């Protein structure tokens, strides 16, 4: 059920090694220099290590075969991992905010030169990690990988912020630049992770794929020769890249139903990129237990 993620797994493993190695350097550097921005960045990298590990574990779980208890297999493990990663980012932002407020109240001396030197190293590592994960195109990238990528983007922003804070402290001696930049970094992370959490929740609630126009889909179904109506239409996402559809289709009298079914599946596959379908063909006239759908299904915002 789950798409082949071999390339994503290789990229995630490489990023895991990079982030884990430099995370240790940032923790030591943050304690040595007294920089909250550097410690915040190191804390985020710690979450990143866990996030990438979680993404890899979810990919392994998603590859397991279906069972009698899980007939869809475990494809949605990747979506759960994406949601956890998004929420973990919010926890990091909360921690940064609390620490920054305390630093505003009680400024702490910061070794700006060493702080910047370590941050530049982190900037290089995070830039390489970003390039590795961003190499997967947007359309091919799973929500799980997108969650890991957002963690790396947050680290990249964090490293830029630490360098900026170090420059301000070195030039002006204003140590409050350190917690101020930390708050800005936290805000950017919160903003970027909102879409990830929203999309993961949307999929888990079996919402319509956001790039799918349900009104156009319904119109296309009804316009096929031999189709007199469509009702009980449902479209959802099993996991990233796997939309699914089920519907009851009312066929006109005298048509070849096998031919209608073939045309329906071909149209859904070619025009809407939906291959996983369950379509029940019915004779003309609504079934006793349901009324035919007479209005387009509204798209979900």
C-alpha atoms as a PDB file:
ATOM      1  CA  UNK A   1       0.000   0.000   0.000  1.00  0.00           C
ATOM      2  CA  UNK A   2       2.729   2.460   0.955  1.00  0.00           C
ATOM      3  CA  UNK A   3       4.661   3.974  -1.957  1.00  0.00           C
ATOM      4  CA  UNK A   4       8.302   3.104  -2.438  1.00  0.00           C
ATOM      5  CA  UNK A   5      10.285   5.448  -0.172  1.00  0.00           C
ATOM      6  CA  UNK A   6      13.754   3.967  -0.737  1.00  0.00           C
ATOM      7  CA  UNK A   7      15.243   7.312  -1.801  1.00  0.00           C
ATOM      8  CA  UNK A   8      13.635   9.091   1.150  1.00  0.00           C
ATOM      9  CA  UNK A   9      15.021   6.506   3.578  1.00  0.00           C
ATOM     10  CA  UNK A  10      18.559   6.945   2.272  1.00  0.00           C
ATOM     11  CA  UNK A  11      18.325  10.712   2.543  1.00  0.00           C
ATOM     12  CA  UNK A  12      16.886  10.593   6.046  1.00  0.00           C
ATOM     13  CA  UNK A  13      19.637   8.269   7.274  1.00  0.00           C
ATOM     14  CA  UNK A  14      22.318  10.654   6.005  1.00  0.00           C
ATOM     15  CA  UNK A  15      20.586  13.643   7.600  1.00  0.00           C
ATOM     16  CA  UNK A  16      20.292  11.711  10.886  1.00  0.00           C
ATOM     17  CA  UNK A  17      24.061  11.220  11.031  1.00  0.00           C
ATOM     18  CA  UNK A  18      24.744  14.891  10.208  1.00  0.00           C
ATOM     19  CA  UNK A  19      22.317  16.370  12.723  1.00  0.00           C
ATOM     20  CA  UNK A  20      23.244  14.001  15.557  1.00  0.00           C
ATOM     21  CA  UNK A  21      26.946  14.785  15.121  1.00  0.00           C
ATOM     22  CA  UNK A  22      26.579  18.539  15.115  1.00  0.00           C
ATOM     23  CA  UNK A  23      23.945  18.554  17.843  1.00  0.00           C
ATOM     24  CA  UNK A  24      26.605  17.460  20.318  1.00  0.00           C
ATOM     25  CA  UNK A  25      28.891  20.289  19.169  1.00  0.00           C
ATOM     26  CA  UNK A  26      26.109  22.863  19.622  1.00  0.00           C
ATOM     27  CA  UNK A  27      25.219  21.653  23.119  1.00  0.00           C
ATOM     28  CA  UNK A  28      28.851  21.945  24.203  1.00  0.00           C
ATOM     29  CA  UNK A  29      29.185  25.308  22.465  1.00  0.00           C
ATOM     30  CA  UNK A  30      25.987  26.679  23.985  1.00  0.00           C
ATOM     31  CA  UNK A  31      27.069  25.746  27.511  1.00  0.00           C
ATOM     32  CA  UNK A  32      30.555  27.121  26.897  1.00  0.00           C
ATOM     33  CA  UNK A  33      29.437  30.494  25.480  1.00  0.00           C
ATOM     34  CA  UNK A  34      26.263  30.944  27.551  1.00  0.00           C
ATOM     35  CA  UNK A  35      24.201  31.576  24.414  1.00  0.00           C
ATOM     36  CA  UNK A  36      20.486  30.815  24.673  1.00  0.00           C
ATOM     37  CA  UNK A  37      20.110  31.100  20.901  1.00  0.00           C
ATOM     38  CA  UNK A  38      22.792  28.452  20.456  1.00  0.00           C
ATOM     39  CA  UNK A  39      21.247  26.195  23.118  1.00  0.00           C
ATOM     40  CA  UNK A  40      17.817  26.721  21.546  1.00  0.00           C
ATOM     41  CA  UNK A  41      19.234  25.694  18.194  1.00  0.00           C
ATOM     42  CA  UNK A  42      20.882  22.654  19.806  1.00  0.00           C
ATOM     43  CA  UNK A  43      17.604  21.747  21.497  1.00  0.00           C
ATOM     44  CA  UNK A  44      15.844  21.972  18.176  1.00  0.00           C
ATOM     45  CA  UNK A  45      18.493  19.742  16.626  1.00  0.00           C
ATOM     46  CA  UNK A  46      17.862  17.216  19.397  1.00  0.00           C
ATOM     47  CA  UNK A  47      14.203  17.198  18.430  1.00  0.00           C
ATOM     48  CA  UNK A  48      15.319  16.872  14.810  1.00  0.00           C
ATOM     49  CA  UNK A  49      17.314  13.751  15.590  1.00  0.00           C
ATOM     50  CA  UNK A  50      14.227  12.242  17.210  1.00  0.00           C
ATOM     51  CA  UNK A  51      12.057  13.492  14.342  1.00  0.00           C
ATOM     52  CA  UNK A  52      14.223  11.941  11.639  1.00  0.00           C
ATOM     53  CA  UNK A  53      14.437   8.713  13.632  1.00  0.00           C
ATOM     54  CA  UNK A  54      10.656   8.717  13.978  1.00  0.00           C
ATOM     55  CA  UNK A  55      10.260   9.332  10.249  1.00  0.00           C
ATOM     56  CA  UNK A  56      12.519   6.387   9.464  1.00  0.00           C
ATOM     57  CA  UNK A  57      10.666   4.145  11.925  1.00  0.00           C
ATOM     58  CA  UNK A  58       7.330   5.181  10.416  1.00  0.00           C
ATOM     59  CA  UNK A  59       8.579   4.294   6.945  1.00  0.00           C
ATOM     60  CA  UNK A  60       9.565   0.847   8.168  1.00  0.00           C
ATOM     61  CA  UNK A  61       6.178   0.326   9.839  1.00  0.00           C
ATOM     62  CA  UNK A  62       4.343   1.544   6.724  1.00  0.00           C
ATOM     63  CA  UNK A  63       6.075  -1.150   4.642  1.00  0.00           C
ATOM     64  CA  UNK A  64       4.661  -3.986   6.731  1.00  0.00           C
ATOM     65  CA  UNK A  65       2.025  -6.135   4.991  1.00  0.00           C
ATOM     66  CA  UNK A  66      -1.720  -5.970   5.785  1.00  0.00           C
ATOM     67  CA  UNK A  67      -3.142  -8.148   8.541  1.00  0.00           C
ATOM     68  CA  UNK A  68      -6.618  -9.357   9.394  1.00  0.00           C
ATOM     69  CA  UNK A  69      -6.756  -6.548  11.966  1.00  0.00           C
ATOM     70  CA  UNK A  70      -5.288  -3.861   9.697  1.00  0.00           C
ATOM     71  CA  UNK A  71      -6.502  -4.475   6.156  1.00  0.00           C
ATOM     72  CA  UNK A  72      -5.061  -1.142   4.980  1.00  0.00           C
ATOM     73  CA  UNK A  73      -1.710  -2.240   6.451  1.00  0.00           C
ATOM     74  CA  UNK A  74       0.108   0.513   8.370  1.00  0.00           C
ATOM     75  CA  UNK A  75       0.438   3.147   5.660  1.00  0.00           C
ATOM     76  CA  UNK A  76      -0.823   5.895   7.943  1.00  0.00           C
ATOM     77  CA  UNK A  77       2.096   5.425  10.324  1.00  0.00           C
ATOM     78  CA  UNK A  78       3.857   8.056   8.212  1.00  0.00           C
ATOM     79  CA  UNK A  79       1.000  10.514   8.736  1.00  0.00           C
ATOM     80  CA  UNK A  80       1.077   9.922  12.494  1.00  0.00           C
ATOM     81  CA  UNK A  81       4.835  10.539  12.472  1.00  0.00           C
ATOM     82  CA  UNK A  82       4.298  13.795  10.577  1.00  0.00           C
ATOM     83  CA  UNK A  83       1.716  14.927  13.138  1.00  0.00           C
ATOM     84  CA  UNK A  84       4.010  14.057  16.075  1.00  0.00           C
ATOM     85  CA  UNK A  85       6.889  15.910  14.418  1.00  0.00           C
ATOM     86  CA  UNK A  86       4.731  18.986  13.928  1.00  0.00           C
ATOM     87  CA  UNK A  87       3.568  18.973  17.547  1.00  0.00           C
ATOM     88  CA  UNK A  88       7.154  18.433  18.712  1.00  0.00           C
ATOM     89  CA  UNK A  89       8.113  21.635  16.916  1.00  0.00           C
ATOM     90  CA  UNK A  90       5.481  23.468  18.942  1.00  0.00           C
ATOM     91  CA  UNK A  91       6.962  22.100  22.165  1.00  0.00           C
ATOM     92  CA  UNK A  92      10.378  23.411  21.103  1.00  0.00           C
ATOM     93  CA  UNK A  93       8.866  26.837  20.369  1.00  0.00           C
ATOM     94  CA  UNK A  94       7.225  26.909  23.816  1.00  0.00           C
ATOM     95  CA  UNK A  95      10.554  26.075  25.485  1.00  0.00           C
ATOM     96  CA  UNK A  96      12.364  28.770  23.487  1.00  0.00           C
ATOM     97  CA  UNK A  97       9.712  31.320  24.445  1.00  0.00           C
ATOM     98  CA  UNK A  98       9.916  30.571  28.170  1.00  0.00           C
ATOM     99  CA  UNK A  99      13.719  30.699  28.190  1.00  0.00           C
ATOM    100  CA  UNK A 100      13.792  33.899  26.125  1.00  0.00           C
ATOM    101  CA  UNK A 101      11.450  35.700  28.528  1.00  0.00           C
ATOM    102  CA  UNK A 102      13.677  34.727  31.442  1.00  0.00           C
ATOM    103  CA  UNK A 103      16.762  35.981  29.577  1.00  0.00           C
ATOM    104  CA  UNK A 104      15.045  39.300  28.874  1.00  0.00           C
ATOM    105  CA  UNK A 105      14.434  39.739  32.588  1.00  0.00           C
ATOM    106  CA  UNK A 106      17.920  38.604  33.593  1.00  0.00           C
ATOM    107  CA  UNK A 107      20.443  39.143  30.757  1.00  0.00           C
ATOM    108  CA  UNK A 108      23.314  36.674  30.664  1.00  0.00           C
ATOM    109  CA  UNK A 109      26.809  37.402  29.256  1.00  0.00           C
ATOM    110  CA  UNK A 110      27.439  35.753  25.892  1.00  0.00           C
ATOM    111  CA  UNK A 111      30.762  34.915  24.176  1.00  0.00           C
ATOM    112  CA  UNK A 112      29.726  36.336  20.817  1.00  0.00           C
ATOM    113  CA  UNK A 113      32.794  35.320  18.813  1.00  0.00           C
ATOM    114  CA  UNK A 114      32.730  31.635  19.763  1.00  0.00           C
ATOM    115  CA  UNK A 115      28.949  31.625  19.481  1.00  0.00           C
ATOM    116  CA  UNK A 116      29.124  32.828  15.863  1.00  0.00           C
ATOM    117  CA  UNK A 117      31.873  30.365  14.968  1.00  0.00           C
ATOM    118  CA  UNK A 118      29.817  27.386  16.181  1.00  0.00           C
ATOM    119  CA  UNK A 119      26.673  28.763  14.534  1.00  0.00           C
ATOM    120  CA  UNK A 120      28.430  29.034  11.158  1.00  0.00           C
ATOM    121  CA  UNK A 121      29.338  25.358  11.419  1.00  0.00           C
ATOM    122  CA  UNK A 122      25.706  24.565  12.181  1.00  0.00           C
ATOM    123  CA  UNK A 123      24.626  26.682   9.232  1.00  0.00           C
ATOM    124  CA  UNK A 124      26.806  24.606   6.909  1.00  0.00           C
ATOM    125  CA  UNK A 125      25.548  21.286   8.326  1.00  0.00           C
ATOM    126  CA  UNK A 126      21.909  22.355   8.192  1.00  0.00           C
ATOM    127  CA  UNK A 127      22.365  23.703   4.684  1.00  0.00           C
ATOM    128  CA  UNK A 128      23.712  20.336   3.533  1.00  0.00           C
ATOM    129  CA  UNK A 129      20.867  18.510   5.291  1.00  0.00           C
ATOM    130  CA  UNK A 130      18.319  20.835   3.679  1.00  0.00           C
ATOM    131  CA  UNK A 131      19.815  20.175   0.245  1.00  0.00           C
ATOM    132  CA  UNK A 132      19.620  16.408   0.827  1.00  0.00           C
ATOM    133  CA  UNK A 133      15.953  16.399   1.819  1.00  0.00           C
ATOM    134  CA  UNK A 134      14.859  19.131  -0.562  1.00  0.00           C
ATOM    135  CA  UNK A 135      16.246  17.057  -3.425  1.00  0.00           C
ATOM    136  CA  UNK A 136      12.978  15.116  -3.380  1.00  0.00           C
ATOM    137  CA  UNK A 137      10.457  17.020  -5.502  1.00  0.00           C
ATOM    138  CA  UNK A 138       7.362  18.536  -3.894  1.00  0.00           C
ATOM    139  CA  UNK A 139       4.978  16.125  -5.637  1.00  0.00           C
ATOM    140  CA  UNK A 140       7.007  13.044  -4.695  1.00  0.00           C
ATOM    141  CA  UNK A 141       7.675  14.145  -1.113  1.00  0.00           C
ATOM    142  CA  UNK A 142       5.595  12.395   1.540  1.00  0.00           C
ATOM    143  CA  UNK A 143       4.062  14.343   4.421  1.00  0.00           C
ATOM    144  CA  UNK A 144       6.368  12.363   6.707  1.00  0.00           C
ATOM    145  CA  UNK A 145       9.469  13.582   4.852  1.00  0.00           C
ATOM    146  CA  UNK A 146       8.008  17.089   4.732  1.00  0.00           C
ATOM    147  CA  UNK A 147       7.815  17.037   8.539  1.00  0.00           C
ATOM    148  CA  UNK A 148      11.489  16.085   8.795  1.00  0.00           C
ATOM    149  CA  UNK A 149      12.339  18.789   6.239  1.00  0.00           C
ATOM    150  CA  UNK A 150      10.550  21.417   8.339  1.00  0.00           C
ATOM    151  CA  UNK A 151      12.691  20.461  11.325  1.00  0.00           C
ATOM    152  CA  UNK A 152      15.809  20.991   9.216  1.00  0.00           C
ATOM    153  CA  UNK A 153      14.464  24.323   7.922  1.00  0.00           C
ATOM    154  CA  UNK A 154      13.873  25.371  11.527  1.00  0.00           C
ATOM    155  CA  UNK A 155      17.473  24.495  12.347  1.00  0.00           C
ATOM    156  CA  UNK A 156      18.684  26.402   9.302  1.00  0.00           C
ATOM    157  CA  UNK A 157      16.771  29.480  10.442  1.00  0.00           C
ATOM    158  CA  UNK A 158      18.094  28.931  13.940  1.00  0.00           C
ATOM    159  CA  UNK A 159      21.699  28.928  12.749  1.00  0.00           C
ATOM    160  CA  UNK A 160      21.131  32.127  10.751  1.00  0.00           C
ATOM    161  CA  UNK A 161      19.540  33.702  13.815  1.00  0.00           C
ATOM    162  CA  UNK A 162      22.424  32.727  16.076  1.00  0.00           C
ATOM    163  CA  UNK A 163      24.942  34.270  13.673  1.00  0.00           C
ATOM    164  CA  UNK A 164      22.836  37.448  13.529  1.00  0.00           C
ATOM    165  CA  UNK A 165      22.536  37.614  17.320  1.00  0.00           C
ATOM    166  CA  UNK A 166      26.287  37.100  17.666  1.00  0.00           C
ATOM    167  CA  UNK A 167      27.001  39.943  15.252  1.00  0.00           C
ATOM    168  CA  UNK A 168      24.682  42.302  17.158  1.00  0.00           C
ATOM    169  CA  UNK A 169      26.235  41.396  20.518  1.00  0.00           C
ATOM    170  CA  UNK A 170      29.775  41.675  19.125  1.00  0.00           C
ATOM    171  CA  UNK A 171      29.064  45.085  17.551  1.00  0.00           C
ATOM    172  CA  UNK A 172      26.896  46.682  20.242  1.00  0.00           C
ATOM    173  CA  UNK A 173      27.218  44.598  23.401  1.00  0.00           C
ATOM    174  CA  UNK A 174      23.407  44.324  23.607  1.00  0.00           C
ATOM    175  CA  UNK A 175      23.043  40.802  25.006  1.00  0.00           C
ATOM    176  CA  UNK A 176      19.236  40.898  24.797  1.00  0.00           C
ATOM    177  CA  UNK A 177      19.668  40.355  21.071  1.00  0.00           C
ATOM    178  CA  UNK A 178      20.220  36.694  21.929  1.00  0.00           C
ATOM    179  CA  UNK A 179      16.725  35.996  23.382  1.00  0.00           C
ATOM    180  CA  UNK A 180      15.121  38.393  20.892  1.00  0.00           C
ATOM    181  CA  UNK A 181      16.460  36.427  17.935  1.00  0.00           C
ATOM    182  CA  UNK A 182      15.390  33.213  19.688  1.00  0.00           C
ATOM    183  CA  UNK A 183      11.789  34.472  19.797  1.00  0.00           C
ATOM    184  CA  UNK A 184      11.887  35.368  16.101  1.00  0.00           C
ATOM    185  CA  UNK A 185      13.198  31.899  15.280  1.00  0.00           C
ATOM    186  CA  UNK A 186      10.421  30.347  17.371  1.00  0.00           C
ATOM    187  CA  UNK A 187       7.788  32.363  15.536  1.00  0.00           C
ATOM    188  CA  UNK A 188       9.105  31.260  12.151  1.00  0.00           C
ATOM    189  CA  UNK A 189       9.149  27.612  13.248  1.00  0.00           C
ATOM    190  CA  UNK A 190       5.585  27.887  14.547  1.00  0.00           C
ATOM    191  CA  UNK A 191       4.406  29.439  11.284  1.00  0.00           C
ATOM    192  CA  UNK A 192       6.093  26.825   9.086  1.00  0.00           C
ATOM    193  CA  UNK A 193       4.866  23.863  11.151  1.00  0.00           C
ATOM    194  CA  UNK A 194       1.202  24.932  11.196  1.00  0.00           C
ATOM    195  CA  UNK A 195       0.570  23.648   7.654  1.00  0.00           C
ATOM    196  CA  UNK A 196       2.169  20.293   8.498  1.00  0.00           C
ATOM    197  CA  UNK A 197      -0.028  19.745  11.560  1.00  0.00           C
ATOM    198  CA  UNK A 198      -3.144  20.932   9.710  1.00  0.00           C
ATOM    199  CA  UNK A 199      -2.514  18.604   6.766  1.00  0.00           C
ATOM    200  CA  UNK A 200      -1.782  15.597   8.986  1.00  0.00           C
ATOM    201  CA  UNK A 201      -4.995  16.146  10.955  1.00  0.00           C
ATOM    202  CA  UNK A 202      -6.902  16.644   7.697  1.00  0.00           C
ATOM    203  CA  UNK A 203      -5.715  13.260   6.391  1.00  0.00           C
ATOM    204  CA  UNK A 204      -6.400  11.466   9.678  1.00  0.00           C
ATOM    205  CA  UNK A 205      -9.946  12.876   9.614  1.00  0.00           C
ATOM    206  CA  UNK A 206     -10.250  11.489   6.061  1.00  0.00           C
ATOM    207  CA  UNK A 207     -10.735  14.889   4.481  1.00  0.00           C
ATOM    208  CA  UNK A 208     -10.750  15.375   0.722  1.00  0.00           C
ATOM    209  CA  UNK A 209      -7.226  15.848  -0.714  1.00  0.00           C
ATOM    210  CA  UNK A 210      -6.633  19.598  -0.792  1.00  0.00           C
ATOM    211  CA  UNK A 211      -5.514  19.640  -4.432  1.00  0.00           C
ATOM    212  CA  UNK A 212      -8.676  17.846  -5.602  1.00  0.00           C
ATOM    213  CA  UNK A 213     -11.713  19.708  -6.972  1.00  0.00           C
ATOM    214  CA  UNK A 214     -14.623  17.510  -5.897  1.00  0.00           C
ATOM    215  CA  UNK A 215     -17.164  19.493  -7.947  1.00  0.00           C
ATOM    216  CA  UNK A 216     -15.097  18.900 -11.092  1.00  0.00           C
ATOM    217  CA  UNK A 217     -14.699  15.238 -10.161  1.00  0.00           C
ATOM    218  CA  UNK A 218     -18.427  14.775  -9.674  1.00  0.00           C
ATOM    219  CA  UNK A 219     -19.203  16.575 -12.912  1.00  0.00           C
ATOM    220  CA  UNK A 220     -16.758  14.345 -14.799  1.00  0.00           C
ATOM    221  CA  UNK A 221     -18.311  11.198 -13.337  1.00  0.00           C
ATOM    222  CA  UNK A 222     -21.821  12.271 -14.324  1.00  0.00           C
ATOM    223  CA  UNK A 223     -20.776  13.292 -17.840  1.00  0.00           C
ATOM    224  CA  UNK A 224     -19.628   9.793 -18.851  1.00  0.00           C
ATOM    225  CA  UNK A 225     -21.858   7.886 -21.278  1.00  0.00           C
ATOM    226  CA  UNK A 226     -24.115   5.448 -19.503  1.00  0.00           C
ATOM    227  CA  UNK A 227     -23.967   7.240 -16.129  1.00  0.00           C
ATOM    228  CA  UNK A 228     -27.279   8.608 -14.887  1.00  0.00           C
ATOM    229  CA  UNK A 229     -26.269   9.575 -11.354  1.00  0.00           C
ATOM    230  CA  UNK A 230     -23.707   9.393  -8.585  1.00  0.00           C
ATOM    231  CA  UNK A 231     -24.311   9.201  -4.836  1.00  0.00           C
ATOM    232  CA  UNK A 232     -22.452   8.249  -1.644  1.00  0.00           C
ATOM    233  CA  UNK A 233     -19.267   9.724  -3.072  1.00  0.00           C
ATOM    234  CA  UNK A 234     -16.282   9.689  -0.718  1.00  0.00           C
ATOM    235  CA  UNK A 235     -12.721  10.779  -1.463  1.00  0.00           C
ATOM    236  CA  UNK A 236      -9.907  10.622   1.087  1.00  0.00           C
ATOM    237  CA  UNK A 237      -6.168  10.034   1.427  1.00  0.00           C
ATOM    238  CA  UNK A 238      -4.799   6.776   2.782  1.00  0.00           C
ATOM    239  CA  UNK A 239      -1.256   8.149   3.021  1.00  0.00           C
ATOM    240  CA  UNK A 240       0.844  10.659   1.111  1.00  0.00           C
ATOM    241  CA  UNK A 241       0.434  10.046  -2.609  1.00  0.00           C
ATOM    242  CA  UNK A 242      -2.417   7.546  -2.194  1.00  0.00           C
ATOM    243  CA  UNK A 243      -5.847   9.132  -2.699  1.00  0.00           C
ATOM    244  CA  UNK A 244      -8.810   6.763  -2.593  1.00  0.00           C
ATOM    245  CA  UNK A 245     -12.399   6.987  -3.798  1.00  0.00           C
ATOM    246  CA  UNK A 246     -15.627   5.101  -3.255  1.00  0.00           C
ATOM    247  CA  UNK A 247     -18.966   5.836  -4.928  1.00  0.00           C
ATOM    248  CA  UNK A 248     -22.288   4.404  -6.044  1.00  0.00           C
ATOM    249  CA  UNK A 249     -22.860   4.984  -9.747  1.00  0.00           C
ATOM    250  CA  UNK A 250     -26.311   4.662 -11.321  1.00  0.00           C
ATOM    251  CA  UNK A 251     -26.140   3.184 -14.835  1.00  0.00           C
ATOM    252  CA  UNK A 252     -28.638   3.748 -17.635  1.00  0.00           C
ATOM    253  CA  UNK A 253     -30.748   0.819 -18.841  1.00  0.00           C
ATOM    254  CA  UNK A 254     -29.147  -1.382 -21.463  1.00  0.00           C
ATOM    255  CA  UNK A 255     -25.533  -0.195 -21.049  1.00  0.00           C
ATOM    256  CA  UNK A 256     -22.565  -2.493 -20.692  1.00  0.00           C
ATOM    257  CA  UNK A 257     -21.729  -2.038 -17.010  1.00  0.00           C
ATOM    258  CA  UNK A 258     -18.276  -3.541 -17.347  1.00  0.00           C
ATOM    259  CA  UNK A 259     -17.502  -0.979 -20.027  1.00  0.00           C
ATOM    260  CA  UNK A 260     -18.867   1.852 -17.856  1.00  0.00           C
ATOM    261  CA  UNK A 261     -16.706   0.697 -14.956  1.00  0.00           C
ATOM    262  CA  UNK A 262     -13.619   0.586 -17.176  1.00  0.00           C
ATOM    263  CA  UNK A 263     -14.309   4.125 -18.438  1.00  0.00           C
ATOM    264  CA  UNK A 264     -14.855   5.387 -14.900  1.00  0.00           C
ATOM    265  CA  UNK A 265     -11.587   3.972 -13.603  1.00  0.00           C
ATOM    266  CA  UNK A 266      -9.613   5.209 -16.603  1.00  0.00           C
ATOM    267  CA  UNK A 267     -11.013   8.733 -16.241  1.00  0.00           C
ATOM    268  CA  UNK A 268     -10.285   8.809 -12.500  1.00  0.00           C
ATOM    269  CA  UNK A 269      -6.754   7.550 -13.067  1.00  0.00           C
ATOM    270  CA  UNK A 270      -5.849   9.823 -15.974  1.00  0.00           C
ATOM    271  CA  UNK A 271      -7.664  13.031 -15.001  1.00  0.00           C
ATOM    272  CA  UNK A 272      -7.535  12.955 -11.197  1.00  0.00           C
ATOM    273  CA  UNK A 273      -4.646  10.553 -10.458  1.00  0.00           C
ATOM    274  CA  UNK A 274      -6.894   8.269  -8.389  1.00  0.00           C
ATOM    275  CA  UNK A 275      -6.180   4.565  -8.848  1.00  0.00           C
ATOM    276  CA  UNK A 276      -7.524   3.118  -5.599  1.00  0.00           C
ATOM    277  CA  UNK A 277     -11.284   3.015  -6.208  1.00  0.00           C
ATOM    278  CA  UNK A 278     -14.330   1.121  -4.993  1.00  0.00           C
ATOM    279  CA  UNK A 279     -17.289   1.717  -7.301  1.00  0.00           C
ATOM    280  CA  UNK A 280     -20.662   0.050  -6.941  1.00  0.00           C
ATOM    281  CA  UNK A 281     -22.733   0.044 -10.136  1.00  0.00           C
ATOM    282  CA  UNK A 282     -26.499   0.204  -9.715  1.00  0.00           C
ATOM    283  CA  UNK A 283     -29.442   0.004 -12.122  1.00  0.00           C
ATOM    284  CA  UNK A 284     -31.265   3.183 -13.018  1.00  0.00           C
ATOM    285  CA  UNK A 285     -33.199   4.552 -10.062  1.00  0.00           C
ATOM    286  CA  UNK A 286     -31.935   5.186  -6.503  1.00  0.00           C
ATOM    287  CA  UNK A 287     -31.612   2.285  -4.066  1.00  0.00           C
ATOM    288  CA  UNK A 288     -34.171   2.001  -1.308  1.00  0.00           C
ATOM    289  CA  UNK A 289     -31.735   2.987   1.397  1.00  0.00           C
ATOM    290  CA  UNK A 290     -30.278   6.148  -0.126  1.00  0.00           C
ATOM    291  CA  UNK A 291     -31.212   9.112  -2.276  1.00  0.00           C
ATOM    292  CA  UNK A 292     -29.024  10.068  -5.257  1.00  0.00           C
ATOM    293  CA  UNK A 293     -26.781  13.054  -4.763  1.00  0.00           C
ATOM    294  CA  UNK A 294     -28.327  16.033  -6.528  1.00  0.00           C
ATOM    295  CA  UNK A 295     -25.836  18.716  -5.505  1.00  0.00           C
ATOM    296  CA  UNK A 296     -22.050  18.808  -5.859  1.00  0.00           C
ATOM    297  CA  UNK A 297     -20.055  17.835  -2.806  1.00  0.00           C
ATOM    298  CA  UNK A 298     -18.533  21.008  -1.344  1.00  0.00           C
ATOM    299  CA  UNK A 299     -14.760  21.186  -1.358  1.00  0.00           C
ATOM    300  CA  UNK A 300     -13.072  21.335   2.031  1.00  0.00           C
ATOM    301  CA  UNK A 301     -11.180  24.439   2.919  1.00  0.00           C
END
